[in-house]
N, C-alpha and C. Protein backbone atom coordinates (compact mmCIF):
# COMPACT_ATOMS: atom_id res chain seq x y z
N MET A 1 1.29 5.81 9.33
CA MET A 1 1.07 5.62 7.92
C MET A 1 1.91 4.47 7.39
N GLU A 2 3.18 4.48 7.71
CA GLU A 2 4.06 3.41 7.24
C GLU A 2 3.56 2.05 7.74
N GLU A 3 3.03 2.01 8.95
CA GLU A 3 2.50 0.76 9.50
C GLU A 3 1.31 0.25 8.68
N ILE A 4 0.46 1.16 8.23
CA ILE A 4 -0.69 0.76 7.41
C ILE A 4 -0.19 0.11 6.12
N VAL A 5 0.76 0.74 5.47
CA VAL A 5 1.31 0.19 4.23
C VAL A 5 1.96 -1.16 4.49
N ALA A 6 2.69 -1.26 5.59
CA ALA A 6 3.37 -2.52 5.92
C ALA A 6 2.38 -3.65 6.17
N THR A 7 1.27 -3.36 6.83
CA THR A 7 0.32 -4.42 7.17
C THR A 7 -0.74 -4.68 6.10
N ARG A 8 -0.97 -3.70 5.22
CA ARG A 8 -2.06 -3.86 4.25
C ARG A 8 -1.59 -3.97 2.80
N CYS A 9 -0.33 -3.58 2.52
CA CYS A 9 0.13 -3.51 1.13
C CYS A 9 1.40 -4.31 0.85
N SER A 10 2.30 -4.33 1.82
CA SER A 10 3.64 -4.86 1.57
C SER A 10 3.74 -6.36 1.41
N MET A 11 2.70 -7.10 1.75
CA MET A 11 2.80 -8.55 1.54
C MET A 11 2.84 -8.89 0.06
N CYS A 12 2.27 -8.01 -0.77
CA CYS A 12 2.37 -8.18 -2.23
C CYS A 12 3.40 -7.24 -2.83
N HIS A 13 3.42 -6.00 -2.32
CA HIS A 13 4.31 -4.97 -2.87
C HIS A 13 5.62 -4.93 -2.09
N ALA A 14 6.29 -6.08 -2.07
CA ALA A 14 7.60 -6.21 -1.43
C ALA A 14 8.60 -6.70 -2.48
N ALA A 15 9.87 -6.50 -2.20
CA ALA A 15 10.89 -7.00 -3.13
C ALA A 15 10.71 -8.51 -3.33
N GLN A 16 10.33 -9.19 -2.25
CA GLN A 16 10.03 -10.62 -2.31
C GLN A 16 8.67 -10.83 -1.64
N PRO A 17 7.59 -10.73 -2.42
CA PRO A 17 6.24 -10.85 -1.86
C PRO A 17 6.04 -12.16 -1.11
N VAL A 18 5.24 -12.09 -0.05
CA VAL A 18 4.95 -13.28 0.74
C VAL A 18 3.52 -13.78 0.54
N TRP A 19 2.72 -13.04 -0.23
CA TRP A 19 1.35 -13.47 -0.48
C TRP A 19 1.37 -14.62 -1.47
N GLU A 20 0.68 -15.69 -1.15
CA GLU A 20 0.66 -16.88 -1.99
C GLU A 20 0.18 -16.53 -3.40
N GLY A 21 0.93 -17.00 -4.39
CA GLY A 21 0.58 -16.78 -5.78
C GLY A 21 1.17 -15.52 -6.38
N ILE A 22 1.81 -14.68 -5.57
CA ILE A 22 2.44 -13.45 -6.06
C ILE A 22 3.95 -13.67 -6.03
N ALA A 23 4.56 -13.74 -7.22
CA ALA A 23 6.01 -14.01 -7.30
C ALA A 23 6.83 -12.73 -7.36
N THR A 24 6.24 -11.68 -7.95
CA THR A 24 6.94 -10.40 -8.07
C THR A 24 5.96 -9.29 -7.68
N PRO A 25 6.47 -8.15 -7.22
CA PRO A 25 5.55 -7.08 -6.83
C PRO A 25 4.72 -6.60 -8.03
N PRO A 26 3.41 -6.49 -7.86
CA PRO A 26 2.56 -6.04 -8.96
C PRO A 26 3.03 -4.71 -9.55
N ARG A 27 3.12 -4.68 -10.88
CA ARG A 27 3.56 -3.51 -11.64
C ARG A 27 4.92 -2.99 -11.20
N GLY A 28 5.69 -3.85 -10.52
CA GLY A 28 7.03 -3.47 -10.08
C GLY A 28 7.05 -2.48 -8.93
N VAL A 29 5.91 -2.25 -8.31
CA VAL A 29 5.81 -1.28 -7.22
C VAL A 29 6.20 -1.96 -5.91
N VAL A 30 7.33 -1.53 -5.35
CA VAL A 30 7.82 -2.06 -4.08
C VAL A 30 7.58 -1.01 -3.01
N LEU A 31 6.77 -1.38 -2.02
CA LEU A 31 6.41 -0.45 -0.95
C LEU A 31 7.14 -0.81 0.33
N GLU A 32 8.45 -0.67 0.24
CA GLU A 32 9.34 -0.87 1.38
C GLU A 32 10.32 0.29 1.39
N GLY A 33 10.73 0.74 2.57
CA GLY A 33 11.72 1.80 2.67
C GLY A 33 11.33 3.04 1.89
N ASP A 34 12.25 3.56 1.07
CA ASP A 34 12.00 4.78 0.29
C ASP A 34 10.91 4.59 -0.76
N GLY A 35 10.61 3.34 -1.10
CA GLY A 35 9.56 3.07 -2.09
C GLY A 35 8.21 3.57 -1.64
N ILE A 36 7.99 3.60 -0.34
CA ILE A 36 6.72 4.11 0.17
C ILE A 36 6.59 5.59 -0.18
N ARG A 37 7.60 6.36 0.10
CA ARG A 37 7.57 7.80 -0.20
C ARG A 37 7.52 8.02 -1.71
N ARG A 38 8.28 7.25 -2.46
CA ARG A 38 8.33 7.39 -3.92
C ARG A 38 6.96 7.15 -4.55
N HIS A 39 6.18 6.27 -3.97
CA HIS A 39 4.87 5.92 -4.53
C HIS A 39 3.72 6.52 -3.72
N ALA A 40 4.00 7.57 -2.97
CA ALA A 40 2.99 8.19 -2.09
C ALA A 40 1.71 8.54 -2.83
N GLU A 41 1.84 9.17 -3.99
CA GLU A 41 0.64 9.59 -4.71
C GLU A 41 -0.17 8.40 -5.19
N GLN A 42 0.49 7.35 -5.66
CA GLN A 42 -0.22 6.13 -6.07
C GLN A 42 -0.93 5.51 -4.88
N ILE A 43 -0.28 5.47 -3.73
CA ILE A 43 -0.90 4.92 -2.53
C ILE A 43 -2.14 5.72 -2.19
N ARG A 44 -2.01 7.05 -2.18
CA ARG A 44 -3.15 7.91 -1.86
C ARG A 44 -4.32 7.66 -2.81
N LEU A 45 -4.03 7.59 -4.11
CA LEU A 45 -5.09 7.41 -5.09
C LEU A 45 -5.69 6.01 -5.06
N GLN A 46 -4.85 5.00 -5.04
CA GLN A 46 -5.32 3.62 -5.16
C GLN A 46 -5.90 3.03 -3.87
N ALA A 47 -5.37 3.45 -2.72
CA ALA A 47 -5.83 2.87 -1.45
C ALA A 47 -6.51 3.89 -0.54
N GLY A 48 -6.22 5.18 -0.75
CA GLY A 48 -6.81 6.20 0.10
C GLY A 48 -8.12 6.72 -0.46
N TYR A 49 -8.07 7.25 -1.68
CA TYR A 49 -9.26 7.85 -2.28
C TYR A 49 -10.19 6.85 -2.93
N SER A 50 -9.65 5.74 -3.40
CA SER A 50 -10.50 4.72 -4.02
C SER A 50 -10.31 3.41 -3.26
N SER A 51 -11.05 2.44 -3.66
CA SER A 51 -10.92 1.12 -3.03
C SER A 51 -10.28 0.13 -3.99
N ALA A 52 -9.53 0.65 -4.97
CA ALA A 52 -8.90 -0.21 -5.97
C ALA A 52 -7.89 -1.16 -5.33
N MET A 53 -7.19 -0.68 -4.33
CA MET A 53 -6.19 -1.50 -3.64
C MET A 53 -6.55 -1.57 -2.17
N PRO A 54 -6.31 -2.65 -1.56
CA PRO A 54 -5.98 -3.95 -2.15
C PRO A 54 -7.20 -4.54 -2.86
N PRO A 55 -6.96 -5.33 -3.90
CA PRO A 55 -8.07 -5.90 -4.68
C PRO A 55 -9.04 -6.64 -3.77
N ALA A 56 -10.31 -6.34 -3.97
CA ALA A 56 -11.39 -6.95 -3.18
C ALA A 56 -11.17 -6.77 -1.68
N ASN A 57 -10.39 -5.77 -1.32
CA ASN A 57 -10.02 -5.48 0.08
C ASN A 57 -9.58 -6.74 0.81
N ILE A 58 -8.76 -7.52 0.14
CA ILE A 58 -8.32 -8.82 0.65
C ILE A 58 -7.56 -8.73 1.97
N THR A 59 -6.92 -7.60 2.24
CA THR A 59 -6.18 -7.46 3.50
C THR A 59 -7.00 -6.78 4.59
N GLY A 60 -8.23 -6.40 4.27
CA GLY A 60 -9.12 -5.84 5.29
C GLY A 60 -8.81 -4.43 5.72
N ILE A 61 -8.30 -3.61 4.81
CA ILE A 61 -8.02 -2.22 5.15
C ILE A 61 -9.32 -1.53 5.58
N THR A 62 -9.26 -0.77 6.66
CA THR A 62 -10.46 -0.15 7.22
C THR A 62 -10.69 1.24 6.61
N PRO A 63 -11.92 1.74 6.73
CA PRO A 63 -12.19 3.11 6.27
C PRO A 63 -11.29 4.14 6.97
N GLN A 64 -10.99 3.91 8.23
CA GLN A 64 -10.12 4.83 8.96
C GLN A 64 -8.70 4.81 8.39
N GLU A 65 -8.22 3.64 8.05
CA GLU A 65 -6.89 3.54 7.45
C GLU A 65 -6.87 4.20 6.08
N ARG A 66 -7.93 4.04 5.31
CA ARG A 66 -8.02 4.70 4.00
C ARG A 66 -7.99 6.22 4.16
N ALA A 67 -8.66 6.72 5.19
CA ALA A 67 -8.67 8.16 5.45
C ALA A 67 -7.27 8.67 5.78
N VAL A 68 -6.51 7.90 6.55
CA VAL A 68 -5.13 8.28 6.87
C VAL A 68 -4.30 8.34 5.60
N LEU A 69 -4.45 7.34 4.74
CA LEU A 69 -3.69 7.32 3.48
C LEU A 69 -4.10 8.46 2.57
N ALA A 70 -5.39 8.78 2.52
CA ALA A 70 -5.88 9.87 1.66
C ALA A 70 -5.33 11.22 2.13
N ALA A 71 -5.15 11.38 3.43
CA ALA A 71 -4.68 12.65 3.99
C ALA A 71 -3.17 12.76 4.00
N TRP A 72 -2.48 11.67 3.73
CA TRP A 72 -1.03 11.61 3.83
C TRP A 72 -0.37 12.48 2.78
N SER A 73 0.65 13.22 3.19
CA SER A 73 1.34 14.15 2.30
C SER A 73 2.55 13.52 1.60
N GLY A 74 2.96 12.34 2.02
CA GLY A 74 4.15 11.72 1.45
C GLY A 74 5.30 11.70 2.42
N ASP A 75 5.17 12.42 3.52
CA ASP A 75 6.19 12.37 4.58
C ASP A 75 5.90 11.15 5.44
N ILE A 76 6.90 10.34 5.70
CA ILE A 76 6.71 9.16 6.51
C ILE A 76 6.59 9.58 7.96
N LYS A 77 5.52 9.15 8.58
CA LYS A 77 5.25 9.48 9.98
C LYS A 77 4.80 8.25 10.72
């Protein structure tokens, strides 16, 4: 689960985003370390149950990865 967030979300939702044109993490949501657990429900809703994140699926998150995020309880595994 943590790997999915790291590869599909953290390029924008990092303390120092690396995605071109993103200077600060959107809405202040940092998905690194404990931030992943802290934002578990948002991750589940925005990237697991819906396709809202990433916008236009720019990072290519797969349906299988979305299913993992939707089923995730918030415990890092």
